[in-house]
Amino acid sequence: MSTNTLSTETQIRLLNFFNDRIEPEEMAKTLRQINFTLALGVMSEHESLQYEIAKLRDGLYWLNELAETLNPYLELE
């Protein structure tokens, strides 16, 4: 778990990104679609992805965490 805080500049860039470019919910949806596609590629043992499994595993986790932060979808109510 990272304890670093975002710089003011980074916070402003993120706010501008989500205010001007894409809604957080749409970004979360896109991240989930990418995550799904990558996971399918790994599960189907796509040859070029096999060399990067450790990186992909971490990447899939963090993409999902970001998607959940932007738009909680998997939270139980």
N, C-alpha and C. Protein backbone atom coordinates (compact mmCIF):
# COMPACT_ATOMS: atom_id res chain seq x y z
N MET A 1 0.85 -1.18 0.00
CA MET A 1 0.00 0.00 0.00
C MET A 1 0.89 1.23 0.00
N SER A 2 0.65 2.10 -0.91
CA SER A 2 1.43 3.32 -1.02
C SER A 2 0.87 4.38 -0.08
N THR A 3 1.77 5.10 0.56
CA THR A 3 1.34 6.18 1.44
C THR A 3 1.68 7.55 0.85
N ASN A 4 2.16 7.57 -0.37
CA ASN A 4 2.48 8.83 -1.03
C ASN A 4 1.20 9.60 -1.31
N THR A 5 1.31 10.90 -1.26
CA THR A 5 0.18 11.74 -1.62
C THR A 5 0.44 12.33 -3.00
N LEU A 6 -0.62 12.62 -3.69
CA LEU A 6 -0.50 13.22 -5.01
C LEU A 6 -0.10 14.67 -4.88
N SER A 7 0.77 15.10 -5.76
CA SER A 7 1.14 16.51 -5.77
C SER A 7 -0.07 17.33 -6.22
N THR A 8 -0.06 18.59 -5.89
CA THR A 8 -1.14 19.48 -6.30
C THR A 8 -1.26 19.49 -7.82
N GLU A 9 -0.12 19.50 -8.50
CA GLU A 9 -0.13 19.50 -9.97
C GLU A 9 -0.79 18.24 -10.51
N THR A 10 -0.48 17.09 -9.93
CA THR A 10 -1.08 15.83 -10.36
C THR A 10 -2.59 15.84 -10.10
N GLN A 11 -2.99 16.34 -8.95
CA GLN A 11 -4.41 16.42 -8.63
C GLN A 11 -5.14 17.29 -9.65
N ILE A 12 -4.55 18.41 -10.00
CA ILE A 12 -5.16 19.31 -10.99
C ILE A 12 -5.26 18.63 -12.35
N ARG A 13 -4.20 17.93 -12.74
CA ARG A 13 -4.23 17.22 -14.03
C ARG A 13 -5.31 16.16 -14.05
N LEU A 14 -5.45 15.41 -12.96
CA LEU A 14 -6.49 14.39 -12.89
C LEU A 14 -7.88 15.02 -12.94
N LEU A 15 -8.07 16.09 -12.19
CA LEU A 15 -9.37 16.77 -12.21
C LEU A 15 -9.68 17.27 -13.61
N ASN A 16 -8.71 17.89 -14.26
CA ASN A 16 -8.91 18.37 -15.63
C ASN A 16 -9.21 17.22 -16.58
N PHE A 17 -8.50 16.13 -16.42
CA PHE A 17 -8.72 14.96 -17.27
C PHE A 17 -10.16 14.48 -17.15
N PHE A 18 -10.64 14.32 -15.92
CA PHE A 18 -11.99 13.80 -15.73
C PHE A 18 -13.07 14.85 -15.94
N ASN A 19 -12.73 16.10 -15.86
CA ASN A 19 -13.72 17.15 -16.15
C ASN A 19 -13.83 17.44 -17.64
N ASP A 20 -12.70 17.33 -18.36
CA ASP A 20 -12.66 17.76 -19.76
C ASP A 20 -12.60 16.63 -20.78
N ARG A 21 -12.14 15.44 -20.38
CA ARG A 21 -11.88 14.41 -21.39
C ARG A 21 -12.81 13.21 -21.29
N ILE A 22 -13.02 12.69 -20.09
CA ILE A 22 -13.82 11.47 -19.94
C ILE A 22 -14.42 11.43 -18.54
N GLU A 23 -15.64 10.93 -18.43
CA GLU A 23 -16.29 10.78 -17.14
C GLU A 23 -15.63 9.61 -16.38
N PRO A 24 -15.52 9.70 -15.05
CA PRO A 24 -14.92 8.60 -14.28
C PRO A 24 -15.61 7.26 -14.53
N GLU A 25 -16.93 7.26 -14.66
CA GLU A 25 -17.66 6.01 -14.90
C GLU A 25 -17.27 5.40 -16.25
N GLU A 26 -17.11 6.24 -17.26
CA GLU A 26 -16.72 5.75 -18.59
C GLU A 26 -15.28 5.23 -18.56
N MET A 27 -14.41 5.92 -17.83
CA MET A 27 -13.03 5.46 -17.69
C MET A 27 -12.99 4.12 -16.98
N ALA A 28 -13.79 3.97 -15.93
CA ALA A 28 -13.85 2.70 -15.21
C ALA A 28 -14.32 1.58 -16.14
N LYS A 29 -15.32 1.86 -16.96
CA LYS A 29 -15.82 0.87 -17.92
C LYS A 29 -14.72 0.48 -18.90
N THR A 30 -13.99 1.47 -19.41
CA THR A 30 -12.90 1.20 -20.35
C THR A 30 -11.82 0.36 -19.69
N LEU A 31 -11.46 0.69 -18.45
CA LEU A 31 -10.44 -0.08 -17.74
C LEU A 31 -10.88 -1.53 -17.55
N ARG A 32 -12.15 -1.71 -17.23
CA ARG A 32 -12.65 -3.08 -17.06
C ARG A 32 -12.62 -3.86 -18.38
N GLN A 33 -12.93 -3.19 -19.48
CA GLN A 33 -12.89 -3.86 -20.79
C GLN A 33 -11.46 -4.26 -21.14
N ILE A 34 -10.52 -3.36 -20.89
CA ILE A 34 -9.11 -3.68 -21.15
C ILE A 34 -8.65 -4.82 -20.26
N ASN A 35 -9.02 -4.75 -19.00
CA ASN A 35 -8.66 -5.80 -18.05
C ASN A 35 -9.18 -7.16 -18.53
N PHE A 36 -10.42 -7.19 -18.97
CA PHE A 36 -11.04 -8.42 -19.44
C PHE A 36 -10.31 -8.96 -20.67
N THR A 37 -10.01 -8.08 -21.61
CA THR A 37 -9.32 -8.50 -22.83
C THR A 37 -7.93 -9.04 -22.53
N LEU A 38 -7.21 -8.36 -21.67
CA LEU A 38 -5.87 -8.83 -21.29
C LEU A 38 -5.95 -10.18 -20.58
N ALA A 39 -6.91 -10.30 -19.67
CA ALA A 39 -7.06 -11.56 -18.94
C ALA A 39 -7.38 -12.70 -19.90
N LEU A 40 -8.25 -12.46 -20.88
CA LEU A 40 -8.56 -13.50 -21.87
C LEU A 40 -7.32 -13.90 -22.66
N GLY A 41 -6.52 -12.90 -23.02
CA GLY A 41 -5.29 -13.19 -23.75
C GLY A 41 -4.35 -14.05 -22.96
N VAL A 42 -4.21 -13.76 -21.69
CA VAL A 42 -3.32 -14.55 -20.83
C VAL A 42 -3.89 -15.95 -20.65
N MET A 43 -5.20 -16.06 -20.41
CA MET A 43 -5.80 -17.37 -20.19
C MET A 43 -5.73 -18.24 -21.44
N SER A 44 -5.76 -17.62 -22.60
CA SER A 44 -5.70 -18.41 -23.82
C SER A 44 -4.24 -18.73 -24.19
N GLU A 45 -3.35 -18.35 -23.29
CA GLU A 45 -1.93 -18.64 -23.44
C GLU A 45 -1.36 -18.04 -24.72
N HIS A 46 -1.79 -16.83 -24.99
CA HIS A 46 -1.26 -16.12 -26.14
C HIS A 46 0.25 -16.04 -25.99
N GLU A 47 0.96 -16.51 -26.97
CA GLU A 47 2.41 -16.68 -26.88
C GLU A 47 3.15 -15.41 -26.49
N SER A 48 2.79 -14.29 -27.09
CA SER A 48 3.53 -13.06 -26.80
C SER A 48 3.25 -12.53 -25.40
N LEU A 49 2.12 -12.91 -24.80
CA LEU A 49 1.79 -12.44 -23.46
C LEU A 49 2.44 -13.31 -22.38
N GLN A 50 2.81 -14.53 -22.70
CA GLN A 50 3.35 -15.43 -21.70
C GLN A 50 4.65 -14.92 -21.08
N TYR A 51 5.40 -14.14 -21.83
CA TYR A 51 6.66 -13.63 -21.32
C TYR A 51 6.45 -12.51 -20.29
N GLU A 52 5.28 -11.98 -20.25
CA GLU A 52 4.99 -10.83 -19.40
C GLU A 52 3.94 -11.13 -18.33
N ILE A 53 3.75 -12.40 -17.97
CA ILE A 53 2.65 -12.77 -17.06
C ILE A 53 2.74 -12.05 -15.72
N ALA A 54 3.92 -11.96 -15.12
CA ALA A 54 4.04 -11.30 -13.81
C ALA A 54 3.64 -9.83 -13.91
N LYS A 55 4.12 -9.16 -14.95
CA LYS A 55 3.76 -7.75 -15.12
C LYS A 55 2.27 -7.60 -15.40
N LEU A 56 1.73 -8.48 -16.21
CA LEU A 56 0.30 -8.43 -16.53
C LEU A 56 -0.55 -8.69 -15.29
N ARG A 57 -0.13 -9.63 -14.47
CA ARG A 57 -0.88 -9.95 -13.25
C ARG A 57 -0.98 -8.70 -12.37
N ASP A 58 0.15 -8.02 -12.18
CA ASP A 58 0.15 -6.80 -11.38
C ASP A 58 -0.67 -5.71 -12.06
N GLY A 59 -0.50 -5.57 -13.36
CA GLY A 59 -1.23 -4.56 -14.11
C GLY A 59 -2.73 -4.77 -14.06
N LEU A 60 -3.16 -6.01 -14.21
CA LEU A 60 -4.59 -6.32 -14.15
C LEU A 60 -5.15 -5.95 -12.78
N TYR A 61 -4.39 -6.24 -11.73
CA TYR A 61 -4.84 -5.92 -10.38
C TYR A 61 -5.01 -4.41 -10.23
N TRP A 62 -3.98 -3.65 -10.62
CA TRP A 62 -4.03 -2.20 -10.42
C TRP A 62 -5.05 -1.52 -11.33
N LEU A 63 -5.25 -2.04 -12.54
CA LEU A 63 -6.30 -1.49 -13.40
C LEU A 63 -7.67 -1.68 -12.75
N ASN A 64 -7.88 -2.85 -12.16
CA ASN A 64 -9.14 -3.11 -11.49
C ASN A 64 -9.31 -2.21 -10.27
N GLU A 65 -8.24 -2.03 -9.50
CA GLU A 65 -8.31 -1.15 -8.34
C GLU A 65 -8.66 0.28 -8.75
N LEU A 66 -8.05 0.75 -9.83
CA LEU A 66 -8.35 2.10 -10.31
C LEU A 66 -9.80 2.19 -10.77
N ALA A 67 -10.27 1.19 -11.49
CA ALA A 67 -11.66 1.18 -11.95
C ALA A 67 -12.61 1.22 -10.75
N GLU A 68 -12.30 0.46 -9.71
CA GLU A 68 -13.16 0.44 -8.52
C GLU A 68 -13.12 1.78 -7.79
N THR A 69 -11.98 2.46 -7.83
CA THR A 69 -11.86 3.78 -7.21
C THR A 69 -12.70 4.79 -7.96
N LEU A 70 -12.66 4.72 -9.29
CA LEU A 70 -13.40 5.67 -10.12
C LEU A 70 -14.90 5.45 -10.06
N ASN A 71 -15.29 4.18 -10.01
CA ASN A 71 -16.71 3.85 -10.03
C ASN A 71 -16.89 2.48 -9.40
N PRO A 72 -17.10 2.44 -8.07
CA PRO A 72 -17.25 1.14 -7.40
C PRO A 72 -18.35 0.32 -8.03
N TYR A 73 -17.96 -0.84 -8.48
CA TYR A 73 -18.88 -1.73 -9.21
C TYR A 73 -19.02 -3.05 -8.49
N LEU A 74 -17.93 -3.49 -7.88
CA LEU A 74 -17.90 -4.79 -7.26
C LEU A 74 -18.21 -4.74 -5.75
N GLU A 75 -18.36 -3.51 -5.20
CA GLU A 75 -18.65 -3.38 -3.79
C GLU A 75 -20.02 -3.98 -3.48
N LEU A 76 -20.06 -4.68 -2.37
CA LEU A 76 -21.34 -5.20 -1.91
C LEU A 76 -22.08 -4.10 -1.15
N GLU A 77 -23.35 -3.99 -1.41
CA GLU A 77 -24.13 -2.95 -0.71
C GLU A 77 -24.89 -3.56 0.43
